[in-house]
Amino acid sequence: MTTLPLPAQAPAGPRPADAGAGALSVWPATTAELPHGQLLVGGVPLTEIAEGHGTPVYVLDEAEVRERCRTYRTAFPGAEIHYAAKAFLCRALAHWVEEEGLGLDVCSAGELELAVTAGFPPERILLHGNAKSPHDLATALRLGVGRIVIDSPAEIARIAAAVGTGGRQKVMVRVTPGISAGGHRKIRTGSDDQKFGLSVRDGHAQHAIARVLGQPRLELTGIHCHLGSQITDVKPYLLAVRRLVGLLARVRDAHGVTLPELDLGGGHGIAYRPGEPALDLTALARRVRAELAASCAAAGLPVPRLVVEPGRAVVGPAGVAVYRVLAVKRTPGRTFVAVDGGMSDNPRPALYGVRYAPRLVGRGSATGPERVTVVGRHCEAGDILAEDVPLPADTRPGDLLALPVAGAYHLSMASPYNLVGRPPVVAVRDGRARLLVRRETLADLRARDVGL
């Protein structure tokens, strides 16, 4: 645990969308650069974390997470903000989110149980999932989850039957408004041709809503949609508001029911490299609230309570991954810098073609930059962490590389591929570091293998 004095730093929290393309613009706001290549996050040298906890290691800036939670609450006054746990969840993070006044949305009994056993109020949790298992639903009902988001017609009777005589469960219906938005085709979820939700266009959403309203054990509180991920333009959200308010009006006209909630999901895009676009949260909040008020006025509806579900935008920029260089290989076409992690701790480049901006930390370099490809240690040609990026030409085995914007969908999507254990998570704040999630060991992996 370090007690180094903190250098002068900018306040934690999301930088404005026009913060510029500076080298540290995508790093946590507490990041400070010292002489000889030393980099501090939350007042803690990354070299110290690497020495104390080994590599690869995830570093999570608590102040950045908390400030991003506050920014959402400020931008959307009166709305419910639910952190999307699928981006990353551990007990400490659940505690931070709860303390900052956010709710939580989860996608499984595992995420739900972890949050509740960490002390998160179950009534402030939403359960999502396009194919919820009986165990998922039973756990949600047993723990008293706030709302269950219905994603298919089969869930309606299943949930109602599980509630039991005399009980009542709050639910929402997830709809697809026919809007294609998101940074990659695999993360666009608002169109009609994917597995999530019920289509407004073909009437399946309206039919499901009518069925839910006919179930005395279910209380329909509103409708839900999620357009996709890595959306950097406000316009798709405005179109979604107009279409969903139209659906609310049709529900009122057909059933005489005014639903009190509208959940717009999340998917707010962030920059992974300096100069990349990011969603302007202030503009999003202002224009969504204005569009919602105008659309409801035109439809003769009261303005419903807005629900927003950021995940990546809260935790992504708060994380840094630190690796150690194992080998440097020069070929006629490329220079490869191989590190001690890879697709087992970050499969996103292989899945979605995500690009990062790693940098050398822990020592200075007098040499100029060289374009290299940072690759992992796994037996896959696609195990690439960062392609065609500048690093000092004298990068060598033993060096440390740090990868910013590593807080979302790294550990949550990690695997023990090649039986390489998953990295630990270390939180930093005010010059101190503490372990949140320990490294997965060979003993952990052996314990699961009971086949002899």
Protein backbone atom coordinates (compact mmCIF):
# COMPACT_ATOMS: atom_id res chain seq x y z
CA MET A 1 0.00 0.00 0.00
CA THR A 2 1.59 3.23 -1.11
CA THR A 3 1.51 6.50 0.79
CA LEU A 4 3.21 8.68 -1.81
CA PRO A 5 2.03 12.30 -1.85
CA LEU A 6 -0.42 13.09 -4.61
CA PRO A 7 0.82 15.40 -7.35
CA ALA A 8 -1.43 18.14 -8.64
CA GLN A 9 -4.25 16.51 -10.55
CA ALA A 10 -7.40 17.39 -12.42
CA PRO A 11 -10.60 16.49 -10.61
CA ALA A 12 -11.84 12.97 -11.23
CA GLY A 13 -14.70 12.36 -13.61
CA PRO A 14 -15.60 12.33 -17.28
CA ARG A 15 -13.72 14.83 -19.41
CA PRO A 16 -15.79 16.91 -21.84
CA ALA A 17 -16.32 15.44 -25.29
CA ASP A 18 -14.01 18.13 -26.72
CA ALA A 19 -11.19 17.50 -24.24
CA GLY A 20 -8.79 17.15 -27.13
CA ALA A 21 -6.50 14.44 -28.37
CA GLY A 22 -3.83 14.73 -25.68
CA ALA A 23 -1.91 11.59 -24.82
CA LEU A 24 -3.71 11.21 -21.47
CA SER A 25 -7.17 12.32 -22.61
CA VAL A 26 -8.60 8.78 -22.37
CA TRP A 27 -6.96 7.99 -19.03
CA PRO A 28 -8.62 8.43 -15.61
CA ALA A 29 -8.69 12.08 -14.56
CA THR A 30 -6.38 11.31 -11.61
CA THR A 31 -3.61 10.14 -13.93
CA ALA A 32 -0.35 12.01 -13.49
CA GLU A 33 2.86 11.72 -15.50
CA LEU A 34 6.16 11.96 -13.63
CA PRO A 35 9.75 12.00 -14.95
CA HIS A 36 11.41 8.85 -16.30
CA GLY A 37 8.17 7.40 -17.66
CA GLN A 38 6.49 6.98 -14.30
CA LEU A 39 2.71 7.08 -14.44
CA LEU A 40 0.41 7.40 -11.43
CA VAL A 41 -3.30 6.59 -11.32
CA GLY A 42 -5.15 7.59 -8.20
CA GLY A 43 -1.80 8.63 -6.77
CA VAL A 44 -0.32 5.14 -7.09
CA PRO A 45 2.55 4.30 -9.48
CA LEU A 46 1.55 1.63 -11.96
CA THR A 47 5.00 0.11 -11.55
CA GLU A 48 4.32 -0.38 -7.84
CA ILE A 49 1.07 -2.19 -8.58
CA ALA A 50 2.80 -4.43 -11.13
CA GLU A 51 5.56 -5.28 -8.66
CA GLY A 52 3.17 -5.93 -5.79
CA HIS A 53 0.45 -7.85 -7.62
CA GLY A 54 2.15 -9.20 -10.72
CA THR A 55 1.01 -8.84 -14.30
CA PRO A 56 -1.33 -8.79 -16.07
CA VAL A 57 -3.28 -6.69 -13.58
CA TYR A 58 -6.36 -4.51 -13.84
CA VAL A 59 -6.24 -1.16 -12.04
CA LEU A 60 -9.56 0.51 -11.21
CA ASP A 61 -9.74 4.18 -10.19
CA GLU A 62 -12.44 4.43 -7.51
CA ALA A 63 -12.66 8.23 -7.71
CA GLU A 64 -13.29 8.07 -11.47
CA VAL A 65 -16.10 5.53 -11.05
CA ARG A 66 -17.77 7.55 -8.32
CA GLU A 67 -17.51 10.83 -10.21
CA ARG A 68 -19.01 9.28 -13.33
CA CYS A 69 -21.94 8.03 -11.25
CA ARG A 70 -22.46 11.57 -9.94
CA THR A 71 -22.23 13.03 -13.42
CA TYR A 72 -25.11 10.83 -14.56
CA ARG A 73 -27.24 11.79 -11.58
CA THR A 74 -26.59 15.47 -12.28
CA ALA A 75 -27.28 15.17 -16.01
CA PHE A 76 -30.56 13.28 -15.52
CA PRO A 77 -32.28 14.86 -12.49
CA GLY A 78 -35.32 12.88 -11.39
CA ALA A 79 -34.36 9.86 -13.49
CA GLU A 80 -33.36 6.43 -12.23
CA ILE A 81 -29.77 5.60 -13.16
CA HIS A 82 -29.01 1.88 -13.09
CA TYR A 83 -25.43 0.73 -13.53
CA ALA A 84 -25.23 -2.13 -16.06
CA ALA A 85 -23.39 -4.81 -14.09
CA LYS A 86 -22.46 -6.86 -17.16
CA ALA A 87 -19.71 -4.31 -17.91
CA PHE A 88 -17.92 -5.31 -14.71
CA LEU A 89 -19.10 -6.29 -11.25
CA CYS A 90 -17.44 -7.04 -7.97
CA ARG A 91 -18.59 -6.47 -4.40
CA ALA A 92 -16.64 -3.24 -3.97
CA LEU A 93 -18.02 -1.79 -7.20
CA ALA A 94 -21.57 -2.67 -6.15
CA HIS A 95 -20.89 -0.83 -2.90
CA TRP A 96 -19.58 2.28 -4.69
CA VAL A 97 -22.56 2.36 -7.05
CA GLU A 98 -25.03 1.97 -4.20
CA GLU A 99 -23.37 4.72 -2.18
CA GLU A 100 -23.58 7.08 -5.17
CA GLY A 101 -27.33 6.54 -5.40
CA LEU A 102 -27.52 4.40 -8.52
CA GLY A 103 -29.57 1.29 -9.07
CA LEU A 104 -28.25 -1.82 -10.76
CA ASP A 105 -29.26 -3.97 -13.68
CA VAL A 106 -28.12 -7.57 -13.79
CA CYS A 107 -28.34 -10.39 -16.33
CA SER A 108 -28.12 -13.53 -14.21
CA ALA A 109 -28.67 -15.05 -10.80
CA GLY A 110 -24.90 -14.88 -10.31
CA GLU A 111 -24.73 -11.11 -10.77
CA LEU A 112 -27.86 -10.68 -8.67
CA GLU A 113 -26.64 -12.81 -5.77
CA LEU A 114 -23.24 -11.14 -5.70
CA ALA A 115 -24.82 -7.69 -5.55
CA VAL A 116 -27.36 -8.58 -2.86
CA THR A 117 -24.85 -10.41 -0.69
CA ALA A 118 -22.67 -7.29 -0.92
CA GLY A 119 -25.53 -5.33 0.61
CA PHE A 120 -27.11 -3.86 -2.52
CA PRO A 121 -30.87 -3.25 -1.98
CA PRO A 122 -32.70 -5.77 -4.20
CA GLU A 123 -35.60 -3.39 -4.79
CA ARG A 124 -33.16 -1.15 -6.72
CA ILE A 125 -32.16 -3.96 -9.10
CA LEU A 126 -33.56 -4.84 -12.55
CA LEU A 127 -33.12 -8.33 -13.99
CA HIS A 128 -32.49 -8.51 -17.75
CA GLY A 129 -31.87 -11.39 -20.12
CA ASN A 130 -33.23 -12.69 -23.41
CA ALA A 131 -33.34 -16.27 -22.05
CA LYS A 132 -33.65 -16.23 -18.28
CA SER A 133 -33.27 -19.64 -16.69
CA PRO A 134 -35.71 -20.96 -14.06
CA HIS A 135 -32.90 -20.42 -11.55
CA ASP A 136 -32.53 -16.78 -12.62
CA LEU A 137 -36.24 -16.12 -12.13
CA ALA A 138 -36.50 -18.07 -8.87
CA THR A 139 -33.53 -16.17 -7.45
CA ALA A 140 -35.00 -12.82 -8.51
CA LEU A 141 -38.32 -13.58 -6.84
CA ARG A 142 -36.71 -15.02 -3.73
CA LEU A 143 -34.49 -11.99 -3.24
CA GLY A 144 -37.24 -9.48 -4.06
CA VAL A 145 -35.74 -7.89 -7.17
CA GLY A 146 -37.30 -4.54 -8.06
CA ARG A 147 -38.28 -5.27 -11.66
CA ILE A 148 -37.92 -8.08 -14.15
CA VAL A 149 -37.59 -7.06 -17.79
CA ILE A 150 -39.66 -9.44 -19.92
CA ASP A 151 -37.85 -10.29 -23.13
CA SER A 152 -40.01 -13.01 -24.67
CA PRO A 153 -43.67 -14.10 -24.55
CA ALA A 154 -42.78 -17.37 -22.78
CA GLU A 155 -41.59 -15.44 -19.73
CA ILE A 156 -44.98 -13.90 -19.03
CA ALA A 157 -46.76 -17.01 -17.82
CA ARG A 158 -43.55 -18.41 -16.34
CA ILE A 159 -43.00 -15.39 -14.09
CA ALA A 160 -46.68 -15.14 -13.15
CA ALA A 161 -46.76 -18.79 -12.13
CA ALA A 162 -43.56 -18.44 -10.11
CA VAL A 163 -44.86 -15.42 -8.20
CA GLY A 164 -47.43 -17.56 -6.45
CA THR A 165 -50.81 -16.82 -4.94
CA GLY A 166 -51.11 -13.42 -3.31
CA GLY A 167 -47.82 -12.08 -4.69
CA ARG A 168 -47.20 -9.42 -7.31
CA GLN A 169 -44.03 -8.72 -9.29
CA LYS A 170 -43.18 -5.49 -11.07
CA VAL A 171 -42.13 -6.04 -14.69
CA MET A 172 -41.22 -4.12 -17.83
CA VAL A 173 -41.45 -5.29 -21.44
CA ARG A 174 -38.36 -4.92 -23.60
CA VAL A 175 -39.19 -3.77 -27.11
CA THR A 176 -37.16 -3.25 -30.27
CA PRO A 177 -38.06 0.07 -31.88
CA GLY A 178 -36.46 -0.77 -35.24
CA ILE A 179 -33.41 1.47 -34.83
CA SER A 180 -29.93 0.32 -35.81
CA ALA A 181 -27.26 2.04 -33.72
CA GLY A 182 -23.94 1.03 -32.21
CA GLY A 183 -20.24 0.79 -32.90
CA HIS A 184 -20.27 -2.75 -34.36
CA ARG A 185 -22.95 -4.97 -35.87
CA LYS A 186 -22.56 -7.45 -33.00
CA ILE A 187 -23.54 -4.83 -30.42
CA ARG A 188 -26.56 -3.31 -32.18
CA THR A 189 -29.66 -4.44 -30.31
CA GLY A 190 -32.42 -2.00 -31.27
CA SER A 191 -33.23 -3.48 -34.67
CA ASP A 192 -35.79 -6.19 -35.41
CA ASP A 193 -33.30 -8.82 -36.62
CA GLN A 194 -31.59 -9.81 -33.36
CA LYS A 195 -32.37 -11.89 -30.30
CA PHE A 196 -33.39 -9.18 -27.83
CA GLY A 197 -36.83 -7.78 -27.13
CA LEU A 198 -40.15 -7.78 -28.94
CA SER A 199 -40.74 -5.89 -32.16
CA VAL A 200 -42.98 -2.85 -32.16
CA ARG A 201 -43.18 -2.94 -35.95
CA ASP A 202 -44.79 -6.41 -36.26
CA GLY A 203 -47.04 -6.09 -33.21
CA HIS A 204 -45.32 -8.63 -30.95
CA ALA A 205 -44.56 -5.95 -28.36
CA GLN A 206 -48.18 -4.79 -28.23
CA HIS A 207 -49.41 -8.37 -27.90
CA ALA A 208 -47.01 -9.06 -25.02
CA ILE A 209 -48.06 -5.88 -23.24
CA ALA A 210 -51.72 -6.91 -23.49
CA ARG A 211 -50.89 -10.33 -22.03
CA VAL A 212 -48.95 -8.83 -19.14
CA LEU A 213 -51.80 -6.46 -18.34
CA GLY A 214 -54.08 -9.50 -18.15
CA GLN A 215 -51.94 -11.14 -15.46
CA PRO A 216 -53.07 -10.10 -11.96
CA ARG A 217 -49.75 -11.25 -10.46
CA LEU A 218 -47.73 -8.95 -12.71
CA GLU A 219 -47.54 -5.16 -12.43
CA LEU A 220 -46.43 -3.57 -15.69
CA THR A 221 -44.49 -0.43 -14.79
CA GLY A 222 -43.26 0.55 -18.25
CA ILE A 223 -41.45 -0.33 -21.45
CA HIS A 224 -37.74 -0.85 -21.98
CA CYS A 225 -35.40 -0.67 -24.94
CA HIS A 226 -31.66 -0.81 -25.48
CA LEU A 227 -30.43 0.35 -28.87
CA GLY A 228 -26.90 -1.03 -28.77
CA SER A 229 -23.44 -0.14 -27.50
CA GLN A 230 -20.79 2.45 -28.32
CA ILE A 231 -23.36 4.93 -29.66
CA THR A 232 -21.79 8.38 -30.06
CA ASP A 233 -24.73 10.24 -31.65
CA VAL A 234 -27.74 11.61 -29.76
CA LYS A 235 -30.16 11.20 -32.67
CA PRO A 236 -30.96 7.47 -32.27
CA TYR A 237 -32.06 8.10 -28.68
CA LEU A 238 -34.38 10.91 -29.78
CA LEU A 239 -35.94 8.68 -32.42
CA ALA A 240 -36.39 5.96 -29.79
CA VAL A 241 -38.15 8.39 -27.46
CA ARG A 242 -40.61 9.37 -30.20
CA ARG A 243 -41.38 5.76 -31.12
CA LEU A 244 -41.71 4.59 -27.52
CA VAL A 245 -43.96 7.48 -26.53
CA GLY A 246 -46.09 6.51 -29.51
CA LEU A 247 -46.27 2.99 -28.08
CA LEU A 248 -47.22 4.34 -24.64
CA ALA A 249 -50.04 6.29 -26.28
CA ARG A 250 -51.31 3.19 -28.08
CA VAL A 251 -51.27 1.24 -24.79
CA ARG A 252 -53.33 3.98 -23.16
CA ASP A 253 -55.81 4.06 -26.03
CA ALA A 254 -56.17 0.28 -26.21
CA HIS A 255 -56.18 -0.57 -22.52
CA GLY A 256 -56.86 2.64 -20.61
CA VAL A 257 -53.52 2.28 -18.82
CA THR A 258 -50.87 4.99 -18.51
CA LEU A 259 -47.51 3.35 -17.89
CA PRO A 260 -45.31 5.38 -15.52
CA GLU A 261 -41.80 4.37 -16.67
CA LEU A 262 -39.68 4.52 -19.81
CA ASP A 263 -36.29 2.80 -19.83
CA LEU A 264 -33.90 3.88 -22.62
CA GLY A 265 -31.12 1.46 -21.66
CA GLY A 266 -27.53 2.59 -22.14
CA GLY A 267 -24.92 2.06 -24.83
CA HIS A 268 -23.30 5.48 -24.41
CA GLY A 269 -20.11 5.52 -26.44
CA ILE A 270 -16.69 6.31 -24.98
CA ALA A 271 -13.31 7.03 -26.59
CA TYR A 272 -10.73 4.25 -26.45
CA ARG A 273 -7.99 6.29 -28.11
CA PRO A 274 -7.18 10.01 -28.08
CA GLY A 275 -9.24 11.90 -30.63
CA GLU A 276 -11.98 9.30 -30.97
CA PRO A 277 -15.60 10.50 -30.61
CA ALA A 278 -17.57 9.97 -27.42
CA LEU A 279 -21.21 10.58 -26.64
CA ASP A 280 -21.80 14.03 -25.18
CA LEU A 281 -23.67 13.13 -22.00
CA THR A 282 -24.82 16.69 -21.27
CA ALA A 283 -26.28 17.08 -24.76
CA LEU A 284 -27.86 13.62 -24.56
CA ALA A 285 -29.59 14.37 -21.27
CA ARG A 286 -30.80 17.80 -22.34
CA ARG A 287 -32.18 16.71 -25.69
CA VAL A 288 -33.71 13.43 -24.46
CA ARG A 289 -35.58 15.20 -21.67
CA ALA A 290 -36.77 17.89 -24.09
CA GLU A 291 -37.89 15.31 -26.66
CA LEU A 292 -39.66 13.27 -24.00
CA ALA A 293 -41.55 16.30 -22.73
CA ALA A 294 -42.53 17.40 -26.24
CA SER A 295 -43.59 13.94 -27.42
CA CYS A 296 -45.67 13.33 -24.30
CA ALA A 297 -47.35 16.73 -24.62
CA ALA A 298 -48.25 15.97 -28.24
CA ALA A 299 -49.68 12.58 -27.22
CA GLY A 300 -51.54 13.94 -24.20
CA LEU A 301 -49.48 11.79 -21.82
CA PRO A 302 -47.84 12.64 -18.51
CA VAL A 303 -44.05 12.47 -18.73
CA PRO A 304 -42.98 9.01 -17.50
CA ARG A 305 -40.11 8.48 -15.12
CA LEU A 306 -36.98 7.99 -17.18
CA VAL A 307 -34.61 5.08 -16.53
CA VAL A 308 -31.07 5.06 -17.97
CA GLU A 309 -28.60 2.15 -17.79
CA PRO A 310 -24.94 3.15 -18.35
CA GLY A 311 -22.30 0.49 -17.88
CA ARG A 312 -19.22 0.99 -20.05
CA ALA A 313 -19.50 4.80 -19.70
CA VAL A 314 -19.23 4.51 -15.91
CA VAL A 315 -16.47 1.94 -15.47
CA GLY A 316 -14.65 1.70 -18.81
CA PRO A 317 -12.50 4.85 -18.60
CA ALA A 318 -11.77 4.13 -14.92
CA GLY A 319 -9.77 0.99 -15.72
CA VAL A 320 -6.17 0.41 -16.81
CA ALA A 321 -4.61 -2.94 -17.74
CA VAL A 322 -0.90 -3.39 -17.08
CA TYR A 323 1.16 -6.04 -18.89
CA ARG A 324 4.80 -7.08 -18.96
CA VAL A 325 6.59 -7.51 -22.28
CA LEU A 326 7.80 -11.08 -22.82
CA ALA A 327 9.29 -10.87 -26.31
CA VAL A 328 9.93 -8.53 -29.22
CA LYS A 329 10.01 -10.12 -32.67
CA ARG A 330 10.87 -8.27 -35.86
CA THR A 331 9.74 -9.68 -39.19
CA PRO A 332 10.07 -8.21 -42.69
CA GLY A 333 6.53 -6.88 -42.46
CA ARG A 334 5.91 -6.07 -38.80
CA THR A 335 7.34 -5.79 -35.33
CA PHE A 336 5.49 -7.81 -32.70
CA VAL A 337 5.60 -6.94 -29.01
CA ALA A 338 4.29 -9.93 -27.05
CA VAL A 339 2.95 -9.47 -23.52
CA ASP A 340 1.99 -11.82 -20.70
CA GLY A 341 -1.77 -11.51 -21.25
CA GLY A 342 -4.00 -11.27 -24.27
CA MET A 343 -7.34 -12.55 -25.40
CA SER A 344 -7.96 -14.46 -22.17
CA ASP A 345 -8.14 -11.16 -20.28
CA ASN A 346 -9.36 -8.99 -23.16
CA PRO A 347 -11.21 -10.73 -26.00
CA ARG A 348 -12.70 -7.49 -27.32
CA PRO A 349 -10.18 -6.78 -30.11
CA ALA A 350 -10.80 -10.28 -31.50
CA LEU A 351 -14.60 -9.99 -31.10
CA TYR A 352 -15.23 -6.41 -32.17
CA GLY A 353 -12.00 -5.06 -33.64
CA VAL A 354 -11.57 -2.61 -30.77
CA ARG A 355 -8.38 -0.51 -30.94
CA TYR A 356 -6.40 0.70 -27.94
CA ALA A 357 -3.51 3.09 -27.27
CA PRO A 358 -0.95 1.32 -25.03
CA ARG A 359 2.06 3.14 -23.66
CA LEU A 360 5.37 2.25 -22.07
CA VAL A 361 5.46 2.97 -18.33
CA GLY A 362 8.13 2.77 -15.67
CA ARG A 363 11.11 4.06 -17.63
CA GLY A 364 12.00 6.79 -20.06
CA SER A 365 13.17 6.26 -23.61
CA ALA A 366 15.36 8.47 -25.76
CA THR A 367 14.50 6.60 -28.96
CA GLY A 368 11.81 7.58 -31.37
CA PRO A 369 8.56 5.67 -31.84
CA GLU A 370 8.19 2.56 -33.94
CA ARG A 371 4.89 1.18 -35.28
CA VAL A 372 4.33 -2.19 -33.65
CA THR A 373 1.59 -4.75 -33.05
CA VAL A 374 1.05 -5.68 -29.42
CA VAL A 375 0.04 -9.35 -29.24
CA GLY A 376 -0.89 -11.75 -26.48
CA ARG A 377 0.63 -15.01 -25.35
CA HIS A 378 -2.15 -17.32 -26.54
CA CYS A 379 -2.10 -19.84 -29.35
CA GLU A 380 -4.35 -17.84 -31.68
CA ALA A 381 -3.33 -15.68 -34.63
CA GLY A 382 -6.15 -13.34 -33.65
CA ASP A 383 -4.71 -12.76 -30.18
CA ILE A 384 -3.90 -9.10 -30.85
CA LEU A 385 -4.33 -6.37 -28.24
CA ALA A 386 -3.29 -3.33 -30.28
CA GLU A 387 -2.39 -3.25 -33.95
CA ASP A 388 -0.09 -0.73 -35.64
CA VAL A 389 0.50 1.48 -32.60
CA PRO A 390 3.54 3.64 -31.73
CA LEU A 391 5.88 2.45 -28.98
CA PRO A 392 9.51 3.40 -28.31
CA ALA A 393 11.82 1.57 -30.71
CA ASP A 394 13.83 0.23 -27.77
CA THR A 395 10.85 -1.54 -26.16
CA ARG A 396 12.25 -4.77 -24.77
CA PRO A 397 11.38 -7.82 -22.64
CA GLY A 398 10.72 -6.85 -19.03
CA ASP A 399 9.14 -3.51 -19.89
CA LEU A 400 5.67 -2.62 -18.67
CA LEU A 401 2.89 -1.57 -21.02
CA ALA A 402 -0.30 0.06 -19.78
CA LEU A 403 -3.57 -0.03 -21.68
CA PRO A 404 -6.17 2.63 -20.74
CA VAL A 405 -9.96 2.33 -20.94
CA ALA A 406 -9.82 -1.23 -19.63
CA GLY A 407 -12.55 -1.11 -17.01
CA ALA A 408 -15.45 -2.55 -19.01
CA TYR A 409 -15.86 -5.98 -20.61
CA HIS A 410 -12.33 -7.11 -19.78
CA LEU A 411 -12.58 -9.20 -16.62
CA SER A 412 -16.31 -9.77 -17.14
CA MET A 413 -15.55 -11.44 -20.50
CA ALA A 414 -12.24 -13.03 -19.50
CA SER A 415 -11.61 -16.76 -19.69
CA PRO A 416 -8.96 -19.25 -18.55
CA TYR A 417 -7.96 -19.97 -22.15
CA ASN A 418 -4.74 -22.03 -22.31
CA LEU A 419 -5.30 -22.41 -18.53
CA VAL A 420 -3.94 -18.93 -17.97
CA GLY A 421 -5.58 -17.60 -14.82
CA ARG A 422 -7.60 -14.40 -14.93
CA PRO A 423 -5.87 -11.26 -13.60
CA PRO A 424 -6.57 -9.54 -10.30
CA VAL A 425 -8.33 -6.20 -9.87
CA VAL A 426 -6.64 -3.54 -7.75
CA ALA A 427 -8.49 -0.38 -6.72
CA VAL A 428 -6.63 2.91 -6.31
CA ARG A 429 -7.69 6.06 -4.52
CA ASP A 430 -5.89 8.95 -2.81
CA GLY A 431 -2.46 7.35 -3.06
CA ARG A 432 -3.51 3.95 -1.76
CA ALA A 433 -4.09 0.62 -3.48
CA ARG A 434 -6.10 -2.36 -2.34
CA LEU A 435 -6.92 -5.73 -3.86
CA LEU A 436 -10.56 -6.21 -4.89
CA VAL A 437 -10.42 -9.46 -6.86
CA ARG A 438 -7.50 -11.86 -6.46
CA ARG A 439 -5.68 -13.54 -9.32
CA GLU A 440 -7.10 -16.86 -10.50
CA THR A 441 -4.48 -19.50 -9.76
CA LEU A 442 -3.61 -22.91 -11.15
CA ALA A 443 -4.99 -24.35 -7.91
CA ASP A 444 -8.36 -22.71 -8.71
CA LEU A 445 -8.34 -24.28 -12.16
CA ARG A 446 -7.30 -27.70 -10.84
CA ALA A 447 -10.06 -27.65 -8.21
CA ARG A 448 -12.72 -27.57 -10.92
CA ASP A 449 -11.27 -30.58 -12.73
CA VAL A 450 -12.82 -33.58 -10.95
CA GLY A 451 -12.60 -36.10 -13.80
CA LEU A 452 -10.00 -38.54 -12.46
